[in-house]
N, C-alpha and C. Protein backbone atom coordinates (compact mmCIF):
# COMPACT_ATOMS: atom_id res chain seq x y z
N MET A 1 -1.24 -6.78 20.45
CA MET A 1 -2.19 -6.62 19.55
C MET A 1 -1.80 -5.48 18.24
N GLU A 2 -1.55 -5.73 17.18
CA GLU A 2 -1.22 -4.64 16.24
C GLU A 2 -2.66 -3.67 16.11
N PRO A 3 -2.32 -2.23 16.00
CA PRO A 3 -3.37 -1.82 15.48
C PRO A 3 -4.07 -2.02 14.21
N ARG A 4 -5.38 -1.74 14.12
CA ARG A 4 -6.40 -1.99 13.00
C ARG A 4 -5.80 -1.05 11.95
N PHE A 5 -5.76 0.44 12.41
CA PHE A 5 -5.36 1.34 11.17
C PHE A 5 -4.03 1.86 11.47
N LEU A 6 -3.30 1.95 10.40
CA LEU A 6 -1.90 2.66 10.18
C LEU A 6 -2.19 3.90 9.73
N LEU A 7 -0.95 4.61 9.95
CA LEU A 7 -0.53 5.93 9.65
C LEU A 7 0.02 5.84 8.37
N LEU A 8 -0.17 6.81 7.50
CA LEU A 8 0.71 6.98 6.08
C LEU A 8 2.16 6.59 6.22
N SER A 9 2.64 7.17 7.35
CA SER A 9 4.10 6.99 7.64
C SER A 9 4.57 5.45 8.03
N ASP A 10 3.28 4.72 8.85
CA ASP A 10 3.55 3.23 9.36
C ASP A 10 3.76 2.57 7.94
N VAL A 11 2.77 2.89 7.06
CA VAL A 11 2.55 1.96 5.76
C VAL A 11 3.88 2.31 4.97
N ALA A 12 4.39 3.68 5.00
CA ALA A 12 5.62 3.72 4.11
C ALA A 12 6.94 2.84 4.63
N ALA A 13 6.83 2.90 6.03
CA ALA A 13 8.03 2.01 6.76
C ALA A 13 7.77 0.50 6.38
N GLU A 14 6.56 0.04 6.47
CA GLU A 14 6.26 -1.32 6.02
C GLU A 14 6.67 -1.79 4.75
N LEU A 15 6.57 -0.86 3.65
CA LEU A 15 6.82 -1.23 2.23
C LEU A 15 8.12 -0.71 2.01
N ASN A 16 8.64 0.24 2.92
CA ASN A 16 10.07 0.81 2.70
C ASN A 16 10.14 1.70 1.28
N VAL A 17 9.17 2.46 1.51
CA VAL A 17 9.21 3.64 0.60
C VAL A 17 9.04 4.74 1.17
N SER A 18 8.85 5.97 0.41
CA SER A 18 8.77 7.42 1.08
C SER A 18 7.41 7.67 1.57
N ASP A 19 7.07 8.58 2.40
CA ASP A 19 5.72 8.86 2.79
C ASP A 19 5.09 9.59 1.68
N SER A 20 5.82 10.31 0.85
CA SER A 20 4.94 10.86 -0.43
C SER A 20 4.59 9.90 -1.31
N GLN A 21 5.34 8.84 -1.26
CA GLN A 21 4.79 7.61 -2.51
C GLN A 21 3.38 6.93 -1.89
N VAL A 22 3.51 6.80 -0.59
CA VAL A 22 2.38 6.28 0.01
C VAL A 22 1.13 7.11 -0.21
N TYR A 23 1.24 8.47 -0.03
CA TYR A 23 0.07 9.68 -0.07
C TYR A 23 -0.22 9.35 -1.70
N HIS A 24 0.85 9.27 -2.58
CA HIS A 24 0.11 9.28 -3.80
C HIS A 24 -0.48 7.92 -4.03
N MET A 25 -0.15 6.97 -3.58
CA MET A 25 -0.87 5.66 -3.83
C MET A 25 -2.31 5.87 -3.28
N VAL A 26 -2.49 6.68 -1.94
CA VAL A 26 -3.68 6.83 -1.32
C VAL A 26 -4.71 7.37 -2.33
N ARG A 27 -4.08 8.86 -2.66
CA ARG A 27 -4.63 9.72 -3.38
C ARG A 27 -5.03 9.40 -4.77
N SER A 28 -4.32 8.38 -5.35
CA SER A 28 -4.86 7.98 -6.80
C SER A 28 -5.80 6.75 -6.77
N GLY A 29 -6.01 6.35 -5.50
CA GLY A 29 -6.95 5.00 -5.25
C GLY A 29 -6.26 3.99 -5.36
N GLU A 30 -4.89 3.72 -5.54
CA GLU A 30 -4.23 2.51 -5.85
C GLU A 30 -4.31 1.64 -4.38
N LEU A 31 -4.19 2.64 -3.41
CA LEU A 31 -4.17 1.67 -1.97
C LEU A 31 -5.28 2.21 -1.26
N PRO A 32 -6.37 1.72 -0.82
CA PRO A 32 -7.68 2.27 -0.08
C PRO A 32 -7.23 2.73 1.27
N ALA A 33 -7.78 3.69 1.45
CA ALA A 33 -7.80 4.47 2.60
C ALA A 33 -8.75 5.28 3.03
N ILE A 34 -8.87 5.86 4.34
CA ILE A 34 -10.01 6.55 4.80
C ILE A 34 -9.47 7.71 5.64
N LYS A 35 -10.19 8.87 5.46
CA LYS A 35 -9.93 10.10 6.00
C LYS A 35 -10.58 10.14 7.50
N VAL A 36 -9.92 10.38 8.44
CA VAL A 36 -10.69 10.52 9.90
C VAL A 36 -10.31 11.78 10.62
N GLY A 37 -11.12 12.27 11.62
CA GLY A 37 -10.83 13.19 12.24
C GLY A 37 -11.24 14.59 11.71
N GLY A 38 -11.08 15.79 12.62
CA GLY A 38 -11.55 17.11 12.04
C GLY A 38 -10.43 17.44 10.91
N ARG A 39 -9.31 16.86 11.07
CA ARG A 39 -8.34 17.31 10.23
C ARG A 39 -8.12 16.29 8.89
N GLY A 40 -9.05 15.50 8.95
CA GLY A 40 -8.78 14.47 7.58
C GLY A 40 -7.68 13.92 7.64
N GLN A 41 -6.95 13.21 8.59
CA GLN A 41 -5.92 12.43 8.54
C GLN A 41 -5.94 10.96 7.82
N TRP A 42 -5.31 10.79 6.98
CA TRP A 42 -5.29 9.34 6.38
C TRP A 42 -4.97 8.29 7.29
N ARG A 43 -5.89 7.38 7.06
CA ARG A 43 -5.47 5.94 7.71
C ARG A 43 -5.61 4.97 6.76
N VAL A 44 -4.69 3.88 7.02
CA VAL A 44 -5.07 2.48 5.98
C VAL A 44 -5.25 1.45 6.95
N GLU A 45 -6.07 0.44 6.81
CA GLU A 45 -6.65 -0.53 7.53
C GLU A 45 -5.42 -1.63 7.49
N ARG A 46 -4.83 -2.25 8.25
CA ARG A 46 -3.84 -3.12 8.13
C ARG A 46 -4.50 -4.22 7.12
N SER A 47 -5.67 -4.73 7.23
CA SER A 47 -6.09 -5.72 6.40
C SER A 47 -5.92 -5.38 4.76
N ARG A 48 -6.39 -4.09 4.55
CA ARG A 48 -6.31 -3.65 3.43
C ARG A 48 -4.91 -3.55 2.97
N LEU A 49 -3.96 -3.19 3.70
CA LEU A 49 -2.35 -2.99 3.22
C LEU A 49 -2.05 -4.58 3.00
N GLU A 50 -2.45 -5.75 3.69
CA GLU A 50 -2.06 -7.02 3.39
C GLU A 50 -2.56 -7.28 1.92
N GLU A 51 -3.92 -6.96 1.66
CA GLU A 51 -4.58 -7.48 0.34
C GLU A 51 -3.82 -6.76 -0.86
N TYR A 52 -3.37 -5.31 -0.48
CA TYR A 52 -2.60 -4.61 -1.46
C TYR A 52 -1.45 -5.49 -1.66
N ILE A 53 -0.61 -5.64 -0.65
CA ILE A 53 0.65 -6.66 -0.86
C ILE A 53 0.40 -7.66 -1.68
N GLN A 54 -0.45 -8.65 -1.09
CA GLN A 54 -0.95 -9.89 -2.09
C GLN A 54 -1.03 -9.54 -3.51
N GLN A 55 -1.90 -8.53 -3.86
CA GLN A 55 -2.25 -8.09 -5.14
C GLN A 55 -1.03 -7.68 -6.03
N LYS A 56 -0.12 -7.01 -5.31
CA LYS A 56 1.19 -6.56 -5.80
C LYS A 56 1.96 -7.68 -6.15
N TYR A 57 2.06 -8.98 -5.45
CA TYR A 57 2.71 -10.09 -5.52
C TYR A 57 2.01 -10.94 -7.03
N ALA A 58 0.85 -10.89 -6.94
CA ALA A 58 0.41 -11.42 -7.94
C ALA A 58 0.67 -10.71 -9.29
N GLU A 59 0.58 -9.38 -9.39
CA GLU A 59 0.93 -8.42 -10.57
C GLU A 59 2.15 -8.72 -11.04
N THR A 60 3.15 -9.09 -9.98
CA THR A 60 4.59 -9.11 -10.30
C THR A 60 4.88 -10.35 -10.88
N ALA A 61 4.05 -11.48 -10.39
CA ALA A 61 4.29 -12.86 -10.91
C ALA A 61 3.93 -12.78 -12.20
N GLU A 62 2.70 -12.22 -12.58
CA GLU A 62 2.14 -12.11 -13.87
C GLU A 62 3.15 -11.57 -14.81
N TRP A 63 3.78 -10.20 -14.24
CA TRP A 63 4.71 -9.55 -15.17
C TRP A 63 5.82 -10.41 -15.33
N VAL A 64 6.31 -11.08 -14.54
CA VAL A 64 7.65 -11.99 -14.40
C VAL A 64 7.22 -13.28 -15.84
N ARG A 65 6.06 -13.80 -15.56
CA ARG A 65 5.77 -14.87 -16.52
C ARG A 65 5.52 -14.41 -17.70
N GLY A 66 4.99 -12.98 -18.29
CA GLY A 66 5.10 -12.43 -19.51
C GLY A 66 6.52 -11.56 -19.95
N ASN A 67 7.26 -11.54 -19.08
CA ASN A 67 8.82 -10.89 -19.60
C ASN A 67 9.89 -11.81 -18.73
N PRO A 68 9.83 -13.02 -19.49
CA PRO A 68 10.96 -13.81 -19.07
C PRO A 68 12.42 -13.45 -19.40
N LEU A 69 13.55 -13.87 -18.45
CA LEU A 69 14.85 -13.48 -18.85
C LEU A 69 15.23 -14.13 -19.85
N THR A 70 16.28 -13.33 -20.66
CA THR A 70 16.86 -14.17 -22.04
C THR A 70 18.08 -14.28 -21.64
N GLU A 71 18.74 -15.38 -22.11
CA GLU A 71 20.07 -15.66 -21.96
C GLU A 71 20.75 -15.09 -23.00
């Protein structure tokens, strides 16, 4: 069974980006996350990550439609 919440480093590995990029996505509000524990460590719910990925697929598809390749 996969964990419900992911560390930012886990999210970075899933998206193949740096930890600092994920931190910026969370701090800017682009990627929903929560702070837990006394030290306020960030966690991203797996379902929110999947929603984020689907949103990015939709945004990319829209961008591609609006920016066709020219020959």
